PDB file of N, CA and C in Angstrom:
ATOM      1  N   MET A   1       0.806  -1.181   0.000  1.00  0.00           N
ATOM      2  CA  MET A   1       0.000   0.000   0.000  1.00  0.00           C
ATOM      3  C   MET A   1       0.864   1.266   0.000  1.00  0.00           C
ATOM      4  N   ILE A   2       1.869   1.259   0.815  1.00  0.00           N
ATOM      5  CA  ILE A   2       2.764   2.412   0.849  1.00  0.00           C
ATOM      6  C   ILE A   2       3.471   2.523  -0.500  1.00  0.00           C
ATOM      7  N   GLY A   3       3.826   1.411  -1.093  1.00  0.00           N
ATOM      8  CA  GLY A   3       4.468   1.414  -2.405  1.00  0.00           C
ATOM      9  C   GLY A   3       3.547   2.025  -3.450  1.00  0.00           C
ATOM     10  N   THR A   4       2.263   1.706  -3.361  1.00  0.00           N
ATOM     11  CA  THR A   4       1.295   2.251  -4.303  1.00  0.00           C
ATOM     12  C   THR A   4       1.169   3.756  -4.112  1.00  0.00           C
ATOM     13  N   LEU A   5       1.120   4.180  -2.856  1.00  0.00           N
ATOM     14  CA  LEU A   5       1.021   5.615  -2.571  1.00  0.00           C
ATOM     15  C   LEU A   5       2.265   6.351  -3.078  1.00  0.00           C
ATOM     16  N   LYS A   6       3.415   5.715  -2.876  1.00  0.00           N
ATOM     17  CA  LYS A   6       4.655   6.343  -3.336  1.00  0.00           C
ATOM     18  C   LYS A   6       4.659   6.459  -4.865  1.00  0.00           C
ATOM     19  N   SER A   7       4.213   5.418  -5.528  1.00  0.00           N
ATOM     20  CA  SER A   7       4.214   5.456  -6.990  1.00  0.00           C
ATOM     21  C   SER A   7       3.211   6.481  -7.507  1.00  0.00           C
ATOM     22  N   ARG A   8       2.049   6.587  -6.838  1.00  0.00           N
ATOM     23  CA  ARG A   8       1.065   7.598  -7.245  1.00  0.00           C
ATOM     24  C   ARG A   8       1.600   9.001  -6.969  1.00  0.00           C
ATOM     25  N   ALA A   9       2.220   9.173  -5.813  1.00  0.00           N
ATOM     26  CA  ALA A   9       2.777  10.487  -5.466  1.00  0.00           C
ATOM     27  C   ALA A   9       3.872  10.861  -6.463  1.00  0.00           C
ATOM     28  N   MET A  10       4.679   9.869  -6.815  1.00  0.00           N
ATOM     29  CA  MET A  10       5.742  10.111  -7.780  1.00  0.00           C
ATOM     30  C   MET A  10       5.142  10.487  -9.134  1.00  0.00           C
ATOM     31  N   GLY A  11       4.082   9.844  -9.541  1.00  0.00           N
ATOM     32  CA  GLY A  11       3.400  10.156 -10.801  1.00  0.00           C
ATOM     33  C   GLY A  11       2.842  11.571 -10.780  1.00  0.00           C
ATOM     34  N   TRP A  12       2.190  11.912  -9.660  1.00  0.00           N
ATOM     35  CA  TRP A  12       1.639  13.263  -9.531  1.00  0.00           C
ATOM     36  C   TRP A  12       2.758  14.310  -9.521  1.00  0.00           C
ATOM     37  N   ALA A  13       3.830  14.003  -8.853  1.00  0.00           N
ATOM     38  CA  ALA A  13       4.956  14.941  -8.793  1.00  0.00           C
ATOM     39  C   ALA A  13       5.555  15.129 -10.186  1.00  0.00           C
ATOM     40  N   LEU A  14       5.744  14.027 -10.910  1.00  0.00           N
ATOM     41  CA  LEU A  14       6.282  14.136 -12.265  1.00  0.00           C
ATOM     42  C   LEU A  14       5.312  14.882 -13.182  1.00  0.00           C
ATOM     43  N   GLY A  15       4.036  14.601 -13.038  1.00  0.00           N
ATOM     44  CA  GLY A  15       3.026  15.309 -13.824  1.00  0.00           C
ATOM     45  C   GLY A  15       3.029  16.796 -13.494  1.00  0.00           C
ATOM     46  N   GLY A  16       3.119  17.112 -12.208  1.00  0.00           N
ATOM     47  CA  GLY A  16       3.176  18.518 -11.781  1.00  0.00           C
ATOM     48  C   GLY A  16       4.415  19.214 -12.321  1.00  0.00           C
ATOM     49  N   LEU A  17       5.555  18.515 -12.241  1.00  0.00           N
ATOM     50  CA  LEU A  17       6.791  19.090 -12.777  1.00  0.00           C
ATOM     51  C   LEU A  17       6.684  19.312 -14.289  1.00  0.00           C
ATOM     52  N   ALA A  18       6.059  18.360 -14.951  1.00  0.00           N
ATOM     53  CA  ALA A  18       5.879  18.505 -16.392  1.00  0.00           C
ATOM     54  C   ALA A  18       4.993  19.714 -16.699  1.00  0.00           C
ATOM     55  N   LEU A  19       3.914  19.879 -15.930  1.00  0.00           N
ATOM     56  CA  LEU A  19       3.031  21.036 -16.135  1.00  0.00           C
ATOM     57  C   LEU A  19       3.760  22.353 -15.845  1.00  0.00           C
ATOM     58  N   VAL A  20       4.510  22.381 -14.745  1.00  0.00           N
ATOM     59  CA  VAL A  20       5.259  23.591 -14.396  1.00  0.00           C
ATOM     60  C   VAL A  20       6.292  23.892 -15.484  1.00  0.00           C
ATOM     61  N   SER A  21       6.975  22.856 -15.966  1.00  0.00           N
ATOM     62  CA  SER A  21       7.965  23.044 -17.033  1.00  0.00           C
ATOM     63  C   SER A  21       7.295  23.568 -18.301  1.00  0.00           C
ATOM     64  N   ALA A  22       6.162  22.998 -18.656  1.00  0.00           N
ATOM     65  CA  ALA A  22       5.441  23.446 -19.847  1.00  0.00           C
ATOM     66  C   ALA A  22       4.988  24.897 -19.683  1.00  0.00           C
ATOM     67  N   TYR A  23       4.478  25.231 -18.488  1.00  0.00           N
ATOM     68  CA  TYR A  23       4.028  26.598 -18.229  1.00  0.00           C
ATOM     69  C   TYR A  23       5.198  27.579 -18.319  1.00  0.00           C
ATOM     70  N   LEU A  24       6.325  27.248 -17.719  1.00  0.00           N
ATOM     71  CA  LEU A  24       7.497  28.124 -17.752  1.00  0.00           C
ATOM     72  C   LEU A  24       8.032  28.275 -19.180  1.00  0.00           C
ATOM     73  N   TYR A  25       8.028  27.179 -19.934  1.00  0.00           N
ATOM     74  CA  TYR A  25       8.472  27.248 -21.325  1.00  0.00           C
ATOM     75  C   TYR A  25       7.533  28.145 -22.133  1.00  0.00           C
ATOM     76  N   TRP A  26       6.240  27.998 -21.897  1.00  0.00           N
ATOM     77  CA  TRP A  26       5.249  28.832 -22.585  1.00  0.00           C
ATOM     78  C   TRP A  26       5.468  30.309 -22.229  1.00  0.00           C
ATOM     79  N   GLN A  27       5.731  30.607 -20.964  1.00  0.00           N
ATOM     80  CA  GLN A  27       6.015  31.980 -20.545  1.00  0.00           C
ATOM     81  C   GLN A  27       7.269  32.512 -21.257  1.00  0.00           C
ATOM     82  N   HIS A  28       8.285  31.679 -21.339  1.00  0.00           N
ATOM     83  CA  HIS A  28       9.530  32.066 -22.002  1.00  0.00           C
ATOM     84  C   HIS A  28       9.282  32.367 -23.486  1.00  0.00           C
ATOM     85  N   VAL A  29       8.557  31.491 -24.141  1.00  0.00           N
ATOM     86  CA  VAL A  29       8.252  31.686 -25.563  1.00  0.00           C
ATOM     87  C   VAL A  29       7.416  32.947 -25.757  1.00  0.00           C
ATOM     88  N   THR A  30       6.439  33.170 -24.910  1.00  0.00           N
ATOM     89  CA  THR A  30       5.586  34.356 -24.997  1.00  0.00           C
ATOM     90  C   THR A  30       6.410  35.629 -24.798  1.00  0.00           C
ATOM     91  N   THR A  31       7.294  35.600 -23.825  1.00  0.00           N
ATOM     92  CA  THR A  31       8.147  36.762 -23.565  1.00  0.00           C
ATOM     93  C   THR A  31       9.052  37.050 -24.761  1.00  0.00           C
ATOM     94  N   GLN A  32       9.629  36.009 -25.325  1.00  0.00           N
ATOM     95  CA  GLN A  32      10.476  36.198 -26.505  1.00  0.00           C
ATOM     96  C   GLN A  32       9.672  36.737 -27.687  1.00  0.00           C
ATOM     97  N   ARG A  33       8.482  36.192 -27.881  1.00  0.00           N
ATOM     98  CA  ARG A  33       7.634  36.653 -28.980  1.00  0.00           C
ATOM     99  C   ARG A  33       7.306  38.139 -28.817  1.00  0.00           C
ATOM    100  N   GLU A  34       6.963  38.541 -27.600  1.00  0.00           N
ATOM    101  CA  GLU A  34       6.647  39.950 -27.355  1.00  0.00           C
ATOM    102  C   GLU A  34       7.873  40.838 -27.577  1.00  0.00           C
ATOM    103  N   ALA A  35       9.035  40.337 -27.165  1.00  0.00           N
ATOM    104  CA  ALA A  35      10.268  41.104 -27.386  1.00  0.00           C
ATOM    105  C   ALA A  35      10.546  41.240 -28.878  1.00  0.00           C
ATOM    106  N   TYR A  36      10.361  40.172 -29.635  1.00  0.00           N
ATOM    107  CA  TYR A  36      10.574  40.226 -31.081  1.00  0.00           C
ATOM    108  C   TYR A  36       9.566  41.153 -31.750  1.00  0.00           C
ATOM    109  N   GLN A  37       8.332  41.116 -31.280  1.00  0.00           N
ATOM    110  CA  GLN A  37       7.319  42.007 -31.847  1.00  0.00           C
ATOM    111  C   GLN A  37       7.652  43.468 -31.551  1.00  0.00           C
ATOM    112  N   ALA A  38       8.113  43.743 -30.336  1.00  0.00           N
ATOM    113  CA  ALA A  38       8.494  45.113 -29.986  1.00  0.00           C
ATOM    114  C   ALA A  38       9.681  45.567 -30.840  1.00  0.00           C
ATOM    115  N   GLU A  39      10.650  44.687 -31.030  1.00  0.00           N
ATOM    116  CA  GLU A  39      11.809  45.018 -31.869  1.00  0.00           C
ATOM    117  C   GLU A  39      11.381  45.248 -33.318  1.00  0.00           C
ATOM    118  N   ALA A  40      10.465  44.420 -33.798  1.00  0.00           N
ATOM    119  CA  ALA A  40       9.968  44.593 -35.168  1.00  0.00           C
ATOM    120  C   ALA A  40       9.259  45.942 -35.309  1.00  0.00           C
ATOM    121  N   GLU A  41       8.496  46.336 -34.302  1.00  0.00           N
ATOM    122  CA  GLU A  41       7.809  47.627 -34.339  1.00  0.00           C
ATOM    123  C   GLU A  41       8.824  48.777 -34.329  1.00  0.00           C
ATOM    124  N   ARG A  42       9.855  48.662 -33.508  1.00  0.00           N
ATOM    125  CA  ARG A  42      10.901  49.690 -33.485  1.00  0.00           C
ATOM    126  C   ARG A  42      11.596  49.787 -34.844  1.00  0.00           C
ATOM    127  N   GLN A  43      11.845  48.653 -35.448  1.00  0.00           N
ATOM    128  CA  GLN A  43      12.502  48.657 -36.757  1.00  0.00           C
ATOM    129  C   GLN A  43      11.592  49.253 -37.834  1.00  0.00           C
ATOM    130  N   ARG A  44      10.289  48.992 -37.736  1.00  0.00           N
ATOM    131  CA  ARG A  44       9.344  49.597 -38.688  1.00  0.00           C
ATOM    132  C   ARG A  44       9.338  51.119 -38.529  1.00  0.00           C
ATOM    133  N   GLU A  45       9.330  51.578 -37.273  1.00  0.00           N
ATOM    134  CA  GLU A  45       9.350  53.020 -37.027  1.00  0.00           C
ATOM    135  C   GLU A  45      10.644  53.637 -37.546  1.00  0.00           C
ATOM    136  N   ARG A  46      11.745  52.962 -37.309  1.00  0.00           N
ATOM    137  CA  ARG A  46      13.044  53.449 -37.789  1.00  0.00           C
ATOM    138  C   ARG A  46      13.061  53.495 -39.320  1.00  0.00           C
ATOM    139  N   ALA A  47      12.522  52.464 -39.946  1.00  0.00           N
ATOM    140  CA  ALA A  47      12.465  52.432 -41.412  1.00  0.00           C
ATOM    141  C   ALA A  47      11.613  53.584 -41.942  1.00  0.00           C
ATOM    142  N   GLU A  48      10.529  53.888 -41.256  1.00  0.00           N
ATOM    143  CA  GLU A  48       9.670  54.998 -41.674  1.00  0.00           C
ATOM    144  C   GLU A  48      10.411  56.329 -41.545  1.00  0.00           C
ATOM    145  N   ILE A  49      11.150  56.492 -40.458  1.00  0.00           N
ATOM    146  CA  ILE A  49      11.937  57.718 -40.277  1.00  0.00           C
ATOM    147  C   ILE A  49      12.978  57.835 -41.382  1.00  0.00           C
ATOM    148  N   LEU A  50      13.656  56.740 -41.679  1.00  0.00           N
ATOM    149  CA  LEU A  50      14.671  56.755 -42.736  1.00  0.00           C
ATOM    150  C   LEU A  50      14.045  57.032 -44.103  1.00  0.00           C
ATOM    151  N   ARG A  51      12.862  56.480 -44.340  1.00  0.00           N
ATOM    152  CA  ARG A  51      12.174  56.723 -45.607  1.00  0.00           C
ATOM    153  C   ARG A  51      11.812  58.202 -45.743  1.00  0.00           C
ATOM    154  N   ARG A  52      11.309  58.795 -44.655  1.00  0.00           N
ATOM    155  CA  ARG A  52      10.962  60.220 -44.695  1.00  0.00           C
ATOM    156  C   ARG A  52      12.205  61.076 -44.913  1.00  0.00           C
ATOM    157  N   HIS A  53      13.298  60.706 -44.260  1.00  0.00           N
ATOM    158  CA  HIS A  53      14.546  61.453 -44.437  1.00  0.00           C
ATOM    159  C   HIS A  53      15.039  61.339 -45.879  1.00  0.00           C
ATOM    160  N   GLN A  54      14.933  60.159 -46.432  1.00  0.00           N
ATOM    161  CA  GLN A  54      15.347  59.958 -47.822  1.00  0.00           C
ATOM    162  C   GLN A  54      14.474  60.799 -48.757  1.00  0.00           C
ATOM    163  N   GLN A  55      13.186  60.842 -48.478  1.00  0.00           N
ATOM    164  CA  GLN A  55      12.278  61.649 -49.297  1.00  0.00           C
ATOM    165  C   GLN A  55      12.651  63.132 -49.188  1.00  0.00           C
ATOM    166  N   PHE A  56      12.975  63.592 -47.970  1.00  0.00           N
ATOM    167  CA  PHE A  56      13.397  64.976 -47.769  1.00  0.00           C
ATOM    168  C   PHE A  56      14.679  65.260 -48.550  1.00  0.00           C
ATOM    169  N   GLN A  57      15.624  64.325 -48.494  1.00  0.00           N
ATOM    170  CA  GLN A  57      16.880  64.502 -49.225  1.00  0.00           C
ATOM    171  C   GLN A  57      16.623  64.580 -50.733  1.00  0.00           C
ATOM    172  N   ARG A  58      15.721  63.754 -51.230  1.00  0.00           N
ATOM    173  CA  ARG A  58      15.384  63.804 -52.661  1.00  0.00           C
ATOM    174  C   ARG A  58      14.790  65.161 -53.034  1.00  0.00           C
ATOM    175  N   GLN A  59      13.914  65.682 -52.177  1.00  0.00           N
ATOM    176  CA  GLN A  59      13.326  66.992 -52.440  1.00  0.00           C
ATOM    177  C   GLN A  59      14.405  68.072 -52.440  1.00  0.00           C
ATOM    178  N   GLN A  60      15.351  67.970 -51.502  1.00  0.00           N
ATOM    179  CA  GLN A  60      16.446  68.935 -51.450  1.00  0.00           C
ATOM    180  C   GLN A  60      17.285  68.865 -52.727  1.00  0.00           C
ATOM    181  N   ILE A  61      17.556  67.655 -53.183  1.00  0.00           N
ATOM    182  CA  ILE A  61      18.344  67.480 -54.408  1.00  0.00           C
ATOM    183  C   ILE A  61      17.606  68.075 -55.603  1.00  0.00           C
ATOM    184  N   GLU A  62      16.305  67.832 -55.685  1.00  0.00           N
ATOM    185  CA  GLU A  62      15.521  68.395 -56.787  1.00  0.00           C
ATOM    186  C   GLU A  62      15.529  69.924 -56.737  1.00  0.00           C
ATOM    187  N   THR A  63      15.389  70.479 -55.533  1.00  0.00           N
ATOM    188  CA  THR A  63      15.415  71.932 -55.380  1.00  0.00           C
ATOM    189  C   THR A  63      16.761  72.495 -55.811  1.00  0.00           C
ATOM    190  N   LEU A  64      17.833  71.842 -55.376  1.00  0.00           N
ATOM    191  CA  LEU A  64      19.170  72.299 -55.765  1.00  0.00           C
ATOM    192  C   LEU A  64      19.392  72.166 -57.268  1.00  0.00           C
ATOM    193  N   ASN A  65      18.921  71.077 -57.850  1.00  0.00           N
ATOM    194  CA  ASN A  65      19.054  70.906 -59.300  1.00  0.00           C
ATOM    195  C   ASN A  65      18.308  71.999 -60.052  1.00  0.00           C
ATOM    196  N   ASP A  66      17.102  72.318 -59.585  1.00  0.00           N
ATOM    197  CA  ASP A  66      16.329  73.388 -60.224  1.00  0.00           C
ATOM    198  C   ASP A  66      17.052  74.730 -60.101  1.00  0.00           C
ATOM    199  N   ALA A  67      17.593  74.999 -58.908  1.00  0.00           N
ATOM    200  CA  ALA A  67      18.308  76.264 -58.697  1.00  0.00           C
ATOM    201  C   ALA A  67      19.553  76.338 -59.576  1.00  0.00           C
ATOM    202  N   LEU A  68      20.273  75.231 -59.679  1.00  0.00           N
ATOM    203  CA  LEU A  68      21.469  75.219 -60.528  1.00  0.00           C
ATOM    204  C   LEU A  68      21.109  75.367 -62.003  1.00  0.00           C
ATOM    205  N   ALA A  69      20.013  74.764 -62.415  1.00  0.00           N
ATOM    206  CA  ALA A  69      19.576  74.911 -63.807  1.00  0.00           C
ATOM    207  C   ALA A  69      19.211  76.368 -64.090  1.00  0.00           C
ATOM    208  N   GLU A  70      18.522  77.004 -63.153  1.00  0.00           N
ATOM    209  CA  GLU A  70      18.170  78.420 -63.316  1.00  0.00           C
ATOM    210  C   GLU A  70      19.433  79.277 -63.354  1.00  0.00           C
ATOM    211  N   ARG A  71      20.390  78.955 -62.501  1.00  0.00           N
ATOM    212  CA  ARG A  71      21.665  79.678 -62.486  1.00  0.00           C
ATOM    213  C   ARG A  71      22.390  79.508 -63.820  1.00  0.00           C
ATOM    214  N   ASP A  72      22.394  78.298 -64.348  1.00  0.00           N
ATOM    215  CA  ASP A  72      23.034  78.062 -65.645  1.00  0.00           C
ATOM    216  C   ASP A  72      22.360  78.868 -66.752  1.00  0.00           C
ATOM    217  N   ARG A  73      21.032  78.938 -66.711  1.00  0.00           N
ATOM    218  CA  ARG A  73      20.310  79.735 -67.710  1.00  0.00           C
ATOM    219  C   ARG A  73      20.692  81.214 -67.592  1.00  0.00           C
ATOM    220  N   ALA A  74      20.763  81.708 -66.348  1.00  0.00           N
ATOM    221  CA  ALA A  74      21.129  83.113 -66.141  1.00  0.00           C
ATOM    222  C   ALA A  74      22.562  83.373 -66.603  1.00  0.00           C
ATOM    223  N   LEU A  75      23.470  82.456 -66.299  1.00  0.00           N
ATOM    224  CA  LEU A  75      24.862  82.621 -66.732  1.00  0.00           C
ATOM    225  C   LEU A  75      24.985  82.579 -68.250  1.00  0.00           C
ATOM    226  N   THR A  76      24.180  81.755 -68.886  1.00  0.00           N
ATOM    227  CA  THR A  76      24.190  81.699 -70.351  1.00  0.00           C
ATOM    228  C   THR A  76      23.718  83.024 -70.936  1.00  0.00           C
ATOM    229  N   ILE A  77      22.672  83.586 -70.363  1.00  0.00           N
ATOM    230  CA  ILE A  77      22.162  84.884 -70.827  1.00  0.00           C
ATOM    231  C   ILE A  77      23.226  85.962 -70.630  1.00  0.00           C
ATOM    232  N   ILE A  78      23.878  85.949 -69.465  1.00  0.00           N
ATOM    233  CA  ILE A  78      24.922  86.942 -69.187  1.00  0.00           C
ATOM    234  C   ILE A  78      26.089  86.780 -70.161  1.00  0.00           C
ATOM    235  N   ALA A  79      26.497  85.534 -70.404  1.00  0.00           N
ATOM    236  CA  ALA A  79      27.604  85.285 -71.343  1.00  0.00           C
ATOM    237  C   ALA A  79      27.240  85.756 -72.743  1.00  0.00           C
ATOM    238  N   ASP A  80      25.991  85.528 -73.152  1.00  0.00           N
ATOM    239  CA  ASP A  80      25.546  86.004 -74.468  1.00  0.00           C
ATOM    240  C   ASP A  80      25.589  87.529 -74.534  1.00  0.00           C
ATOM    241  N   ASP A  81      25.149  88.183 -73.449  1.00  0.00           N
ATOM    242  CA  ASP A  81      25.190  89.649 -73.409  1.00  0.00           C
ATOM    243  C   ASP A  81      26.625  90.165 -73.480  1.00  0.00           C
ATOM    244  N   ILE A  82      27.531  89.501 -72.767  1.00  0.00           N
ATOM    245  CA  ILE A  82      28.939  89.920 -72.791  1.00  0.00           C
ATOM    246  C   ILE A  82      29.522  89.743 -74.189  1.00  0.00           C
ATOM    247  N   ARG A  83      29.214  88.615 -74.821  1.00  0.00           N
ATOM    248  CA  ARG A  83      29.707  88.391 -76.187  1.00  0.00           C
ATOM    249  C   ARG A  83      29.158  89.450 -77.143  1.00  0.00           C
ATOM    250  N   ALA A  84      27.876  89.763 -76.996  1.00  0.00           N
ATOM    251  CA  ALA A  84      27.274  90.779 -77.867  1.00  0.00           C
ATOM    252  C   ALA A  84      27.915  92.142 -77.618  1.00  0.00           C
ATOM    253  N   SER A  85      28.151  92.486 -76.360  1.00  0.00           N
ATOM    254  CA  SER A  85      28.782  93.775 -76.043  1.00  0.00           C
ATOM    255  C   SER A  85      30.208  93.820 -76.564  1.00  0.00           C
ATOM    256  N   THR A  86      30.942  92.721 -76.405  1.00  0.00           N
ATOM    257  CA  THR A  86      32.319  92.657 -76.905  1.00  0.00           C
ATOM    258  C   THR A  86      32.344  92.801 -78.420  1.00  0.00           C
ATOM    259  N   ALA A  87      31.435  92.117 -79.082  1.00  0.00           N
ATOM    260  CA  ALA A  87      31.368  92.221 -80.547  1.00  0.00           C
ATOM    261  C   ALA A  87      31.022  93.642 -80.966  1.00  0.00           C
ATOM    262  N   ALA A  88      30.109  94.288 -80.236  1.00  0.00           N
ATOM    263  CA  ALA A  88      29.734  95.667 -80.564  1.00  0.00           C
ATOM    264  C   ALA A  88      30.914  96.603 -80.356  1.00  0.00           C
ATOM    265  N   LEU A  89      31.665  96.403 -79.272  1.00  0.00           N
ATOM    266  CA  LEU A  89      32.834  97.248 -79.030  1.00  0.00           C
ATOM    267  C   LEU A  89      33.910  97.029 -80.086  1.00  0.00           C
ATOM    268  N   GLN A  90      34.101  95.788 -80.492  1.00  0.00           N
ATOM    269  CA  GLN A  90      35.101  95.515 -81.522  1.00  0.00           C
ATOM    270  C   GLN A  90      34.708  96.160 -82.846  1.00  0.00           C
ATOM    271  N   SER A  91      33.442  96.037 -83.189  1.00  0.00           N
ATOM    272  CA  SER A  91      33.008  96.658 -84.450  1.00  0.00           C
ATOM    273  C   SER A  91      33.062  98.174 -84.346  1.00  0.00           C
ATOM    274  N   LEU A  92      32.808  98.723 -83.158  1.00  0.00           N
ATOM    275  CA  LEU A  92      32.908 100.167 -82.960  1.00  0.00           C
ATOM    276  C   LEU A  92      34.355 100.618 -83.133  1.00  0.00           C
ATOM    277  N   GLY A  93      35.284  99.842 -82.590  1.00  0.00           N
ATOM    278  CA  GLY A  93      36.704 100.174 -82.728  1.00  0.00           C
ATOM    279  C   GLY A  93      37.172 100.071 -84.161  1.00  0.00           C
ATOM    280  N   GLU A  94      36.574  99.205 -84.922  1.00  0.00           N
ATOM    281  CA  GLU A  94      36.966  99.038 -86.320  1.00  0.00           C
ATOM    282  C   GLU A  94      36.413 100.151 -87.195  1.00  0.00           C
ATOM    283  N   THR A  95      35.275 100.731 -86.836  1.00  0.00           N
ATOM    284  CA  THR A  95      34.638 101.735 -87.691  1.00  0.00           C
ATOM    285  C   THR A  95      34.933 103.160 -87.247  1.00  0.00           C
ATOM    286  N   ASP A  96      35.196 103.395 -85.989  1.00  0.00           N
ATOM    287  CA  ASP A  96      35.397 104.752 -85.477  1.00  0.00           C
ATOM    288  C   ASP A  96      36.874 104.917 -85.102  1.00  0.00           C
ATOM    289  N   ALA A  97      37.561 105.824 -85.772  1.00  0.00           N
ATOM    290  CA  ALA A  97      39.009 105.994 -85.556  1.00  0.00           C
ATOM    291  C   ALA A  97      39.302 106.460 -84.136  1.00  0.00           C
ATOM    292  N   GLU A  98      38.502 107.382 -83.604  1.00  0.00           N
ATOM    293  CA  GLU A  98      38.733 107.878 -82.242  1.00  0.00           C
ATOM    294  C   GLU A  98      38.524 106.767 -81.225  1.00  0.00           C
ATOM    295  N   ALA A  99      37.483 105.985 -81.426  1.00  0.00           N
ATOM    296  CA  ALA A  99      37.224 104.863 -80.518  1.00  0.00           C
ATOM    297  C   ALA A  99      38.330 103.824 -80.633  1.00  0.00           C
ATOM    298  N   ARG A 100      38.831 103.608 -81.864  1.00  0.00           N
ATOM    299  CA  ARG A 100      39.919 102.646 -82.060  1.00  0.00           C
ATOM    300  C   ARG A 100      41.160 103.112 -81.303  1.00  0.00           C
ATOM    301  N   GLU A 101      41.452 104.403 -81.398  1.00  0.00           N
ATOM    302  CA  GLU A 101      42.611 104.948 -80.690  1.00  0.00           C
ATOM    303  C   GLU A 101      42.429 104.789 -79.176  1.00  0.00           C
ATOM    304  N   TRP A 102      41.218 105.071 -78.688  1.00  0.00           N
ATOM    305  CA  TRP A 102      40.936 104.942 -77.253  1.00  0.00           C
ATOM    306  C   TRP A 102      41.070 103.490 -76.807  1.00  0.00           C
ATOM    307  N   LEU A 103      40.554 102.551 -77.625  1.00  0.00           N
ATOM    308  CA  LEU A 103      40.627 101.138 -77.274  1.00  0.00           C
ATOM    309  C   LEU A 103      42.064 100.629 -77.300  1.00  0.00           C
ATOM    310  N   ASP A 104      42.889 101.177 -78.173  1.00  0.00           N
ATOM    311  CA  ASP A 104      44.274 100.728 -78.272  1.00  0.00           C
ATOM    312  C   ASP A 104      45.178 101.358 -77.222  1.00  0.00           C
ATOM    313  N   SER A 105      44.743 102.475 -76.625  1.00  0.00           N
ATOM    314  CA  SER A 105      45.593 103.150 -75.637  1.00  0.00           C
ATOM    315  C   SER A 105      45.574 102.389 -74.315  1.00  0.00           C
ATOM    316  N   ASP A 106      46.651 102.633 -73.513  1.00  0.00           N
ATOM    317  CA  ASP A 106      46.722 101.989 -72.202  1.00  0.00           C
ATOM    318  C   ASP A 106      45.720 102.603 -71.240  1.00  0.00           C
ATOM    319  N   LEU A 107      45.579 103.908 -71.305  1.00  0.00           N
ATOM    320  CA  LEU A 107      44.632 104.607 -70.436  1.00  0.00           C
ATOM    321  C   LEU A 107      43.640 105.376 -71.295  1.00  0.00           C
ATOM    322  N   PRO A 108      42.406 105.430 -70.879  1.00  0.00           N
ATOM    323  CA  PRO A 108      41.448 106.263 -71.609  1.00  0.00           C
ATOM    324  C   PRO A 108      41.887 107.732 -71.563  1.00  0.00           C
ATOM    325  N   THR A 109      41.482 108.516 -72.555  1.00  0.00           N
ATOM    326  CA  THR A 109      41.908 109.906 -72.710  1.00  0.00           C
ATOM    327  C   THR A 109      41.586 110.737 -71.478  1.00  0.00           C
ATOM    328  N   GLY A 110      40.411 110.616 -70.958  1.00  0.00           N
ATOM    329  CA  GLY A 110      40.010 111.407 -69.791  1.00  0.00           C
ATOM    330  C   GLY A 110      40.885 111.120 -68.586  1.00  0.00           C
ATOM    331  N   ILE A 111      41.243 109.899 -68.398  1.00  0.00           N
ATOM    332  CA  ILE A 111      42.080 109.533 -67.257  1.00  0.00           C
ATOM    333  C   ILE A 111      43.503 110.042 -67.472  1.00  0.00           C
ATOM    334  N   ALA A 112      44.015 109.920 -68.687  1.00  0.00           N
ATOM    335  CA  ALA A 112      45.363 110.421 -68.977  1.00  0.00           C
ATOM    336  C   ALA A 112      45.423 111.928 -68.741  1.00  0.00           C
ATOM    337  N   ASP A 113      44.402 112.686 -69.181  1.00  0.00           N
ATOM    338  CA  ASP A 113      44.363 114.133 -68.946  1.00  0.00           C
ATOM    339  C   ASP A 113      44.274 114.437 -67.460  1.00  0.00           C
ATOM    340  N   TRP A 114      43.481 113.695 -66.750  1.00  0.00           N
ATOM    341  CA  TRP A 114      43.319 113.915 -65.309  1.00  0.00           C
ATOM    342  C   TRP A 114      44.637 113.678 -64.578  1.00  0.00           C
ATOM    343  N   VAL A 115      45.380 112.641 -64.993  1.00  0.00           N
ATOM    344  CA  VAL A 115      46.675 112.356 -64.370  1.00  0.00           C
ATOM    345  C   VAL A 115      47.659 113.484 -64.683  1.00  0.00           C
ATOM    346  N   ARG A 116      47.632 114.023 -65.883  1.00  0.00           N
ATOM    347  CA  ARG A 116      48.526 115.135 -66.245  1.00  0.00           C
ATOM    348  C   ARG A 116      48.225 116.372 -65.407  1.00  0.00           C
ATOM    349  N   GLU A 117      46.961 116.613 -65.122  1.00  0.00           N
ATOM    350  CA  GLU A 117      46.577 117.785 -64.328  1.00  0.00           C
ATOM    351  C   GLU A 117      47.059 117.664 -62.893  1.00  0.00           C
ATOM    352  N   LEU A 118      47.198 116.487 -62.385  1.00  0.00           N
ATOM    353  CA  LEU A 118      47.662 116.310 -61.015  1.00  0.00           C
ATOM    354  C   LEU A 118      49.097 116.724 -60.931  1.00  0.00           C
TER     355      LEU A 118
END
């Protein structure tokens, strides 16, 4: 009889240990799952922040490209104006003897006279 009680007690103890082990393992798995889910959520938030930053950088690049294109257009217009003015001055020097003399001199006439007066 005592042997039977011992064997039953041993069975109950082993069953209890098995249940406690299963419960603790389940708690461990649940805790890990929650930790992984929290990490996944943090990574999603981080990815969203990085995506927004990348979008901002793209907008900045587009803005800079537009500004540089506008600057290039303005510089082209200025260069064309300078070429036209240079061509006009060259043709003026070729047709007007006084202007040709002034263009060929080291100092303009007015400045040379002003220096002489000093």
